[in-house]
């Protein structure tokens, strides 16, 4: 599963909505046996901050720096 972009309207930023979207996407991927390719910088940063989520990365896929 590729996540290309995560966006929340500016007036709703800072409420944790994007993080909730990412958590739900990860739960869906895990429930359906999908690996996650985080092309979105927000998702990559989320995965860096929550290392347990990195188990969803496809083999050989790195988060970069």
Protein backbone atom coordinates (compact mmCIF):
# COMPACT_ATOMS: atom_id res chain seq x y z
CA UNK A 1 0.00 0.00 0.00
CA UNK A 2 1.52 3.33 -1.01
CA UNK A 3 0.67 6.42 0.98
CA UNK A 4 1.47 9.39 -1.23
CA UNK A 5 -0.05 12.28 0.66
CA UNK A 6 -1.69 13.09 3.98
CA UNK A 7 -3.49 16.41 4.32
CA UNK A 8 -5.72 18.08 6.85
CA UNK A 9 -7.39 21.46 6.23
CA UNK A 10 -5.31 24.23 7.83
CA UNK A 11 -8.09 25.18 10.26
CA UNK A 12 -8.00 21.62 11.66
CA UNK A 13 -4.23 21.27 11.98
CA UNK A 14 -2.72 20.48 15.36
CA UNK A 15 -5.55 18.23 16.52
CA UNK A 16 -3.90 14.91 15.75
CA UNK A 17 -6.19 14.19 12.80
CA UNK A 18 -3.37 13.34 10.37
CA UNK A 19 -1.89 10.95 12.93
CA UNK A 20 -5.27 9.27 13.30
CA UNK A 21 -5.54 8.89 9.53
CA UNK A 22 -2.10 7.27 9.47
CA UNK A 23 -2.94 4.92 12.36
CA UNK A 24 -6.14 3.83 10.59
CA UNK A 25 -4.26 3.27 7.33
CA UNK A 26 -1.67 1.15 9.16
CA UNK A 27 -4.41 -0.85 10.89
CA UNK A 28 -6.03 -1.49 7.50
CA UNK A 29 -2.70 -2.55 5.99
CA UNK A 30 -1.97 -4.88 8.88
CA UNK A 31 -5.45 -6.43 8.85
CA UNK A 32 -5.13 -7.12 5.12
CA UNK A 33 -1.53 -8.34 5.06
CA UNK A 34 -0.26 -5.31 3.17
CA UNK A 35 3.14 -3.68 3.39
CA UNK A 36 3.25 0.12 3.53
CA UNK A 37 5.41 2.31 1.31
CA UNK A 38 5.43 5.76 2.96
CA UNK A 39 5.97 8.22 0.11
CA UNK A 40 4.49 11.02 2.23
CA UNK A 41 7.00 12.85 4.45
CA UNK A 42 4.48 13.03 7.31
CA UNK A 43 4.04 9.25 7.22
CA UNK A 44 7.81 8.65 7.05
CA UNK A 45 8.31 10.91 10.06
CA UNK A 46 5.47 9.17 11.91
CA UNK A 47 7.16 5.81 11.28
CA UNK A 48 10.49 7.17 12.54
CA UNK A 49 8.80 8.37 15.73
CA UNK A 50 6.90 5.08 16.17
CA UNK A 51 9.46 2.36 15.33
CA UNK A 52 6.95 -0.45 15.94
CA UNK A 53 5.20 0.64 12.71
CA UNK A 54 8.34 -0.06 10.71
CA UNK A 55 7.41 -3.75 10.65
CA UNK A 56 4.93 -2.74 7.92
CA UNK A 57 7.68 -1.57 5.56
CA UNK A 58 8.34 -3.76 2.53
CA UNK A 59 11.62 -5.63 2.62
CA UNK A 60 14.44 -3.33 1.53
CA UNK A 61 12.37 -0.13 1.81
CA UNK A 62 14.12 2.49 3.94
CA UNK A 63 12.83 5.65 5.56
CA UNK A 64 15.88 7.62 4.53
CA UNK A 65 17.23 10.20 6.89
